[in-house]
Structures are given as C-alpha cells and as structure tokens.
Protein backbone atom coordinates (compact mmCIF):
# COMPACT_ATOMS: atom_id res chain seq x y z
CA MET A 1 24.42 -15.37 9.44
CA TYR A 2 23.27 -12.29 11.29
CA THR A 3 22.33 -11.44 14.86
CA VAL A 4 18.90 -10.68 16.28
CA GLU A 5 20.06 -7.10 16.81
CA GLU A 6 20.98 -6.74 13.12
CA PHE A 7 17.62 -8.21 12.09
CA ASP A 8 15.72 -5.82 14.40
CA LYS A 9 17.74 -2.83 13.19
CA GLU A 10 17.10 -3.57 9.50
CA LYS A 11 13.47 -4.54 10.11
CA THR A 12 12.91 -1.17 11.81
CA LYS A 13 14.54 0.66 8.88
CA VAL A 14 12.31 -1.14 6.33
CA LEU A 15 9.22 -0.70 8.51
CA LYS A 16 9.77 3.08 8.72
CA TYR A 17 10.00 3.18 4.92
CA ILE A 18 6.73 1.23 4.57
CA LEU A 19 4.83 3.13 7.25
CA TYR A 20 5.76 6.49 5.72
CA LYS A 21 3.91 5.47 2.56
CA LYS A 22 2.38 2.12 1.59
CA ARG A 23 4.88 0.27 -0.62
CA SER A 24 4.89 -2.82 -2.82
CA GLU A 25 7.28 -5.69 -2.16
CA ASN A 26 9.22 -4.74 -5.28
CA GLU A 27 9.65 -1.14 -4.09
CA VAL A 28 11.06 -2.42 -0.79
CA ARG A 29 13.48 -4.74 -2.61
CA LYS A 30 14.72 -1.97 -4.92
CA LYS A 31 15.21 0.47 -2.05
CA PHE A 32 17.19 -1.87 0.20
CA ASP A 33 18.89 -4.38 -2.12
CA LYS A 34 22.23 -2.51 -1.95
CA GLU A 35 21.93 -1.51 1.72
CA ILE A 36 20.94 -4.79 3.38
CA GLU A 37 22.61 -8.17 2.91
CA GLU A 38 20.48 -10.40 0.66
CA ASN A 39 19.57 -13.18 3.15
CA LEU A 40 18.77 -10.64 5.85
CA LEU A 41 16.58 -8.63 3.45
CA GLU A 42 14.70 -11.79 2.42
CA ASP A 43 14.02 -12.63 6.07
CA VAL A 44 12.91 -9.06 6.87
CA ILE A 45 10.55 -9.05 3.86
CA ALA A 46 9.17 -12.49 4.80
CA TYR A 47 8.57 -11.30 8.36
CA LEU A 48 6.84 -8.10 7.22
CA LYS A 49 4.69 -9.99 4.69
CA GLU A 50 3.58 -12.41 7.39
CA ALA A 51 2.73 -9.45 9.65
CA LYS A 52 0.79 -7.92 6.67
CA TYR A 53 2.95 -4.78 6.52
CA ILE A 54 3.88 -5.80 2.98
CA ASP A 55 0.75 -6.94 1.15
CA ASP A 56 0.69 -6.44 -2.62
CA LYS A 57 -2.99 -7.38 -2.96
CA GLY A 58 -3.92 -4.85 -0.29
CA TYR A 59 -1.62 -2.36 -2.01
CA ILE A 60 -3.54 -2.81 -5.29
CA GLU A 61 -6.87 -2.17 -3.59
CA LYS A 62 -5.67 0.88 -1.66
CA THR A 63 -3.90 2.38 -4.68
CA ILE A 64 -6.87 1.91 -7.03
CA HIS A 65 -9.22 3.47 -4.47
CA ASN A 66 -6.84 6.44 -4.19
CA PHE A 67 -6.76 6.79 -7.98
CA MET A 68 -10.55 6.67 -8.11
CA ALA A 69 -10.89 9.33 -5.42
CA LEU A 70 -8.25 11.71 -6.75
CA LYS A 71 -7.72 11.25 -10.48
CA ASN A 72 -9.40 10.75 -13.84
CA LEU A 73 -7.67 7.63 -15.18
CA SER A 74 -8.63 4.78 -17.47
CA ILE A 75 -8.47 1.24 -16.12
CA ARG A 76 -5.49 0.67 -18.41
CA GLU A 77 -3.64 3.67 -16.94
CA MET A 78 -4.22 2.29 -13.43
CA GLU A 79 -2.84 -1.08 -14.56
CA TYR A 80 0.32 0.54 -15.95
CA LYS A 81 0.89 2.52 -12.76
CA LEU A 82 0.61 -0.69 -10.71
CA TYR A 83 2.90 -2.60 -13.11
CA SER A 84 5.47 0.17 -12.67
CA LYS A 85 5.46 -0.55 -8.93
CA GLY A 86 6.44 -4.16 -9.63
CA ILE A 87 3.07 -5.70 -8.81
CA LYS A 88 2.44 -9.13 -10.39
CA LYS A 89 0.32 -8.99 -13.54
CA GLU A 90 -1.97 -11.82 -12.32
CA ASP A 91 -2.73 -9.99 -9.06
CA ILE A 92 -3.67 -6.81 -10.95
CA GLU A 93 -5.80 -8.71 -13.47
CA ASP A 94 -7.55 -10.66 -10.69
CA TYR A 95 -8.42 -7.44 -8.86
CA ILE A 96 -9.71 -5.78 -12.03
CA TYR A 97 -11.79 -8.84 -12.94
CA GLU A 98 -13.27 -9.08 -9.42
CA ASN A 99 -14.15 -5.35 -9.44
CA LYS A 100 -15.05 -5.05 -13.12
CA GLU A 101 -18.45 -3.40 -12.62
CA GLU A 102 -17.24 -0.73 -10.18
CA LEU A 103 -14.17 0.03 -12.32
CA ASN A 104 -16.22 0.34 -15.51
CA GLN A 105 -18.59 2.79 -13.76
CA TYR A 106 -15.57 4.78 -12.56
CA GLU A 107 -14.03 4.80 -16.06
CA ILE A 108 -17.29 6.13 -17.58
CA LYS A 109 -17.48 8.88 -14.94
CA SER A 110 -13.80 9.69 -15.45
CA ALA A 111 -14.19 9.89 -19.26
CA ASN A 112 -17.23 12.10 -18.77
CA ASN A 113 -15.27 14.43 -16.45
CA ILE A 114 -12.48 14.77 -19.00
CA ALA A 115 -14.92 15.28 -21.88
CA ASN A 116 -16.78 18.02 -19.98
CA LYS A 117 -13.51 19.85 -19.27
CA LYS A 118 -12.34 19.60 -22.87
CA ILE A 119 -15.64 20.26 -24.65
CA THR A 120 -15.00 24.01 -24.85
CA SER A 121 -11.72 23.60 -26.76
CA LEU A 122 -12.15 20.26 -28.59
CA GLU A 123 -14.69 18.65 -30.89
CA ILE A 124 -16.37 15.38 -29.84
CA GLU A 125 -14.20 13.35 -32.29
CA GLU A 126 -11.02 14.85 -30.82
CA ILE A 127 -12.22 14.00 -27.30
CA LYS A 128 -12.93 10.41 -28.43
CA GLN A 129 -9.41 10.14 -29.87
CA TYR A 130 -7.87 11.63 -26.72
CA LEU A 131 -9.73 9.20 -24.45
CA THR A 132 -8.88 6.24 -26.71
CA LYS A 133 -5.18 7.15 -26.55
CA LYS A 134 -5.44 7.27 -22.75
CA GLY A 135 -6.71 3.67 -22.75
CA TYR A 136 -10.42 4.15 -22.14
CA LYS A 137 -12.68 1.39 -23.48
CA LYS A 138 -14.72 2.40 -26.55
CA ASP A 139 -18.01 1.35 -24.89
CA ASN A 140 -17.25 3.49 -21.82
CA ILE A 141 -16.32 6.46 -24.02
CA ALA A 142 -19.62 6.18 -25.88
CA ILE A 143 -21.64 6.09 -22.64
CA ALA A 144 -19.64 9.00 -21.15
CA LEU A 145 -20.18 11.18 -24.23
CA GLU A 146 -23.96 10.67 -24.35
CA ASP A 147 -24.48 13.56 -21.91
CA VAL A 148 -21.88 15.94 -23.37
C-alpha cells in the first residue's frame, strides 16, 4: 500500500505530463510504468480518468481536429496515427462513423490540396496513385481531381 502523500506526488507528476500536452491513457502508462509502482499508477490513472484529465474519446476528437486544421491527411492516415497512440480501435471507428460526412469533406479538400501542389511535377495518374497509396478513398480522389 502507499500513503496519501505518495499518491499526491505521483498524481502531480502524471498531471504535469498530461497538461503539457494532451495524452492518451496508453501514453501515460508507457511513460510511467517503470517509474511508478503498478497499483499506485492504476489508481492515479483511474483518478485522472474520473476527473476527465485522461479521456481517450476527447483525445480522438481533439487530435483529429488538429490534423484537419494543420495537415493534409487521409482518414486512414489519421486512424493509423491514433492507433499508434494506443487508442482503442472501436473508439476510433465510432468517432469516424459518427463524423463520416465531415471527414469525407475534409479528405476531398485534402486530396485536392495535394493534387494542386503536385500538378506541376506529376501527371493526373501519378497523383491518383500517390493519393491511393496514402489511403485516400477512390471516390474522394475522383471528386478532388475534378477541379485540377
């Protein structure tokens, strides 16, 4: 067992890590699994989840919105980036399903941005192949390339 002081000390350490940059539960576990005793870490994570400092569903939403604002990615690329953070597959799929329309519009715009940048050096077929390799849906590629 551990003392209240130990719990508070470790909770503060984990909280600083989370507040510096939003983190998934898996990222927190990986970072502290060697530093903090297992039962204490479980209790700290449970406490922070209850207080909504660790919230993987909120993490998905925030991360996808950041991707959409800052990058040109396919939906599949976003999925892989979230998987790499240890987010549950069902949570990612649920979010994508619930926001399907908005994400498809984003993917079309993203494919169009990439195509417009590459049109000077690549042929349309090469752009299609490039976007397909990056995980863009064929329908979205076709719509994005209508204007190019």
